[in-house]
Amino acid sequence: MLEEAESVLRQDPVMAALVERHDPYDEPNWNEFERLCISIINQQLSTASAAAVRERVFELFRGEVTPEAVLEAEDEALRSAGLSRSKVEYVRNAARAFQERDYTREGLADHSADEVIDLLTEIKGIGEWTARMYLLFVLERPDVLPLGDLAVRRGIEQLYGNGSEELTRAEMREIAEAWRPYRSVATRYIWAEYESA
């Protein structure tokens, strides 16, 4: 898919430059539950703060975060790793949900993006942003454009704006039309560029 996506994205000169500069798929091979926990950790935190908390949480679980381990962990240990009270509750809610239902790629393969969002947002602490991160990073759906993400919006503005006024979400969607049906891949390149700036 990546090769095909990149050939579509290269038709946009701005995106073509990002394809040359970055490898947005260079990341650890986290499983579905770990990835959801990471999205919960990332909620409303800067990239650097989120990375520091993630590292401490993974250290706490000796590198493998499972629903069982999260449910067995002491609140105090999770709080010491940097999770707020509400995020401790949210990762526990996610752990219970994973024990009750199959949220893996295979388990959600027949669900549309909207159905996945509906299912995930039933879990307290999982909002639409986190659900879209799950679609993009875990289920690897090819055409997700998460404009609820501040870094994505800022990245698009830096790359495509004129610097004097903010782009509206409608304008961003219009820019992203050129990336269909691979807006997820484009999003990863935008993040990579934004984080390297």
Protein backbone atom coordinates (compact mmCIF):
# COMPACT_ATOMS: atom_id res chain seq x y z
CA MET A 1 0.00 0.00 0.00
CA LEU A 2 2.80 2.44 0.89
CA GLU A 3 4.29 2.43 -2.60
CA GLU A 4 0.91 3.13 -4.18
CA ALA A 5 0.15 5.80 -1.57
CA GLU A 6 3.45 7.54 -2.18
CA SER A 7 2.88 7.66 -5.93
CA VAL A 8 -0.48 9.41 -5.28
CA LEU A 9 1.06 11.78 -2.71
CA ARG A 10 3.98 12.70 -4.98
CA GLN A 11 1.49 14.39 -7.32
CA ASP A 12 1.22 17.10 -4.65
CA PRO A 13 4.58 18.99 -4.75
CA VAL A 14 4.49 19.80 -1.01
CA MET A 15 3.80 16.17 -0.11
CA ALA A 16 6.43 14.97 -2.63
CA ALA A 17 9.08 16.87 -0.62
CA LEU A 18 7.91 15.25 2.63
CA VAL A 19 8.06 11.77 1.07
CA GLU A 20 11.72 12.47 0.24
CA ARG A 21 12.52 13.74 3.75
CA HIS A 22 10.79 11.36 6.15
CA ASP A 23 10.10 7.73 7.06
CA PRO A 24 6.90 8.02 9.09
CA TYR A 25 6.63 4.26 9.57
CA ASP A 26 9.80 4.00 11.62
CA GLU A 27 8.28 3.18 15.01
CA PRO A 28 8.13 0.22 17.42
CA ASN A 29 5.75 -2.62 16.67
CA TRP A 30 3.20 -1.97 19.43
CA ASN A 31 0.17 -4.27 19.69
CA GLU A 32 -3.41 -3.02 19.57
CA PHE A 33 -3.88 -2.56 23.31
CA GLU A 34 -0.50 -0.85 23.73
CA ARG A 35 -1.31 1.53 20.89
CA LEU A 36 -4.65 2.44 22.49
CA CYS A 37 -2.92 3.09 25.82
CA ILE A 38 -0.40 5.31 24.02
CA SER A 39 -3.23 7.32 22.46
CA ILE A 40 -4.77 7.75 25.92
CA ILE A 41 -1.39 8.87 27.31
CA ASN A 42 -1.01 11.33 24.41
CA GLN A 43 -4.36 13.03 25.07
CA GLN A 44 -3.80 16.74 25.72
CA LEU A 45 -0.04 16.38 26.23
CA SER A 46 2.84 17.78 24.20
CA THR A 47 4.80 15.24 22.14
CA ALA A 48 7.77 15.40 24.54
CA SER A 49 5.67 15.02 27.72
CA ALA A 50 3.68 12.16 26.23
CA ALA A 51 6.87 10.33 25.18
CA ALA A 52 8.30 10.66 28.71
CA VAL A 53 5.13 9.29 30.34
CA ARG A 54 4.88 6.48 27.78
CA GLU A 55 8.45 5.44 28.51
CA ARG A 56 7.80 5.31 32.26
CA VAL A 57 4.54 3.36 31.81
CA PHE A 58 6.26 0.81 29.57
CA GLU A 59 9.13 0.52 32.05
CA LEU A 60 6.60 -0.15 34.81
CA PHE A 61 5.26 -3.12 32.81
CA ARG A 62 8.75 -4.22 31.70
CA GLY A 63 8.03 -3.33 28.09
CA GLU A 64 4.78 -5.24 27.59
CA VAL A 65 1.50 -3.55 28.46
CA THR A 66 -1.43 -6.01 28.68
CA PRO A 67 -5.02 -5.53 29.88
CA GLU A 68 -4.35 -7.97 32.76
CA ALA A 69 -1.21 -6.11 33.88
CA VAL A 70 -2.99 -2.74 33.78
CA LEU A 71 -5.88 -4.07 35.88
CA GLU A 72 -3.51 -5.63 38.41
CA ALA A 73 -1.26 -2.56 38.75
CA GLU A 74 -1.54 -0.33 41.81
CA ASP A 75 -3.05 3.10 41.20
CA GLU A 76 -0.04 4.65 42.92
CA ALA A 77 2.39 2.93 40.53
CA LEU A 78 0.46 4.19 37.50
CA ARG A 79 0.28 7.69 38.98
CA SER A 80 4.03 7.63 39.69
CA ALA A 81 4.63 6.76 36.04
CA GLY A 82 2.93 10.04 35.14
CA LEU A 83 -0.71 9.12 34.48
CA SER A 84 -3.29 11.52 35.86
CA ARG A 85 -6.14 10.12 37.96
CA SER A 86 -8.49 10.29 35.00
CA LYS A 87 -6.00 8.57 32.67
CA VAL A 88 -5.54 5.74 35.19
CA GLU A 89 -9.30 5.26 34.99
CA TYR A 90 -9.26 5.46 31.19
CA VAL A 91 -6.52 2.85 30.69
CA ARG A 92 -8.36 0.56 33.12
CA ASN A 93 -11.61 1.08 31.16
CA ALA A 94 -9.74 0.21 27.97
CA ALA A 95 -8.25 -2.89 29.62
CA ARG A 96 -11.70 -4.14 30.69
CA ALA A 97 -13.11 -3.43 27.21
CA PHE A 98 -10.27 -5.45 25.62
CA GLN A 99 -11.04 -8.37 27.91
CA GLU A 100 -14.71 -8.28 26.91
CA ARG A 101 -14.46 -7.67 23.17
CA ASP A 102 -12.12 -8.22 20.21
CA TYR A 103 -10.69 -4.83 19.20
CA THR A 104 -7.86 -6.31 17.14
CA ARG A 105 -7.40 -5.68 13.41
CA GLU A 106 -9.07 -9.03 12.72
CA GLY A 107 -11.90 -8.39 15.16
CA LEU A 108 -12.77 -5.03 13.60
CA ALA A 109 -11.98 -5.89 9.97
CA ASP A 110 -15.65 -5.96 8.93
CA HIS A 111 -16.52 -2.68 10.68
CA SER A 112 -16.64 0.63 8.85
CA ALA A 113 -14.60 3.57 10.20
CA ASP A 114 -17.77 5.11 11.68
CA GLU A 115 -18.70 1.82 13.37
CA VAL A 116 -15.21 1.54 14.88
CA ILE A 117 -15.46 5.12 16.19
CA ASP A 118 -18.89 4.35 17.70
CA LEU A 119 -17.58 1.18 19.39
CA LEU A 120 -14.46 2.78 20.79
CA THR A 121 -16.16 5.94 22.04
CA GLU A 122 -18.48 3.76 24.16
CA ILE A 123 -15.40 3.22 26.37
CA LYS A 124 -15.22 6.05 28.90
CA GLY A 125 -12.06 8.05 28.23
CA ILE A 126 -11.96 7.27 24.50
CA GLY A 127 -13.11 10.25 22.48
CA GLU A 128 -13.28 10.75 18.76
CA TRP A 129 -9.63 11.88 18.53
CA THR A 130 -8.39 8.69 20.23
CA ALA A 131 -10.69 6.55 18.07
CA ARG A 132 -9.29 8.18 14.92
CA MET A 133 -5.73 7.54 16.14
CA TYR A 134 -6.74 3.88 16.56
CA LEU A 135 -8.13 3.75 13.01
CA LEU A 136 -4.97 5.31 11.66
CA PHE A 137 -2.22 3.60 13.67
CA VAL A 138 -3.70 0.27 14.73
CA LEU A 139 -6.24 -0.70 12.10
CA GLU A 140 -4.15 1.08 9.46
CA ARG A 141 -7.19 2.32 7.59
CA PRO A 142 -5.73 4.17 4.61
CA ASP A 143 -7.98 7.23 4.39
CA VAL A 144 -8.27 8.85 7.86
CA LEU A 145 -7.86 12.63 8.16
CA PRO A 146 -7.82 13.51 11.90
CA LEU A 147 -8.43 17.27 11.82
CA GLY A 148 -9.24 17.08 15.53
CA ASP A 149 -5.47 16.78 16.04
CA LEU A 150 -3.76 20.11 16.69
CA ALA A 151 -0.40 18.98 15.25
CA VAL A 152 -2.10 17.92 12.00
CA ARG A 153 -3.88 21.26 11.67
CA ARG A 154 -0.73 23.25 12.51
CA GLY A 155 1.30 21.08 10.15
CA ILE A 156 -1.11 21.65 7.25
CA GLU A 157 -1.12 25.40 7.98
CA GLN A 158 2.68 25.57 8.02
CA LEU A 159 2.95 23.61 4.79
CA TYR A 160 0.03 25.05 2.82
CA GLY A 161 -0.98 28.32 4.50
CA ASN A 162 0.23 31.80 3.62
CA GLY A 163 1.34 32.47 7.18
CA SER A 164 -1.01 35.39 7.79
CA GLU A 165 -4.28 33.68 8.64
CA GLU A 166 -5.46 30.32 9.90
CA LEU A 167 -6.89 27.83 7.46
CA THR A 168 -10.42 26.63 8.16
CA ARG A 169 -11.11 22.92 8.49
CA ALA A 170 -13.05 23.12 5.22
CA GLU A 171 -9.94 24.53 3.50
CA MET A 172 -7.83 21.77 5.03
CA ARG A 173 -10.26 19.13 3.78
CA GLU A 174 -10.05 20.66 0.33
CA ILE A 175 -6.23 20.51 0.39
CA ALA A 176 -6.45 16.88 1.55
CA GLU A 177 -8.69 15.88 -1.38
CA ALA A 178 -5.52 15.48 -3.46
CA TRP A 179 -4.30 12.81 -1.01
CA ARG A 180 -7.32 10.51 -1.29
CA PRO A 181 -7.56 7.56 -0.80
CA TYR A 182 -4.35 7.75 1.31
CA ARG A 183 -4.99 10.62 3.72
CA SER A 184 -3.72 8.45 6.61
CA VAL A 185 -0.31 8.16 4.96
CA ALA A 186 -0.27 11.90 4.24
CA THR A 187 -1.15 12.54 7.90
CA ARG A 188 1.87 10.51 9.04
CA TYR A 189 4.13 12.62 6.80
CA ILE A 190 2.62 15.84 8.17
CA TRP A 191 3.27 14.67 11.75
CA ALA A 192 6.83 13.68 10.87
CA GLU A 193 7.49 17.12 9.38
CA TYR A 194 5.78 18.98 12.22
CA GLU A 195 7.70 17.07 14.89
CA SER A 196 11.04 17.60 13.15
CA ALA A 197 10.54 21.39 12.86
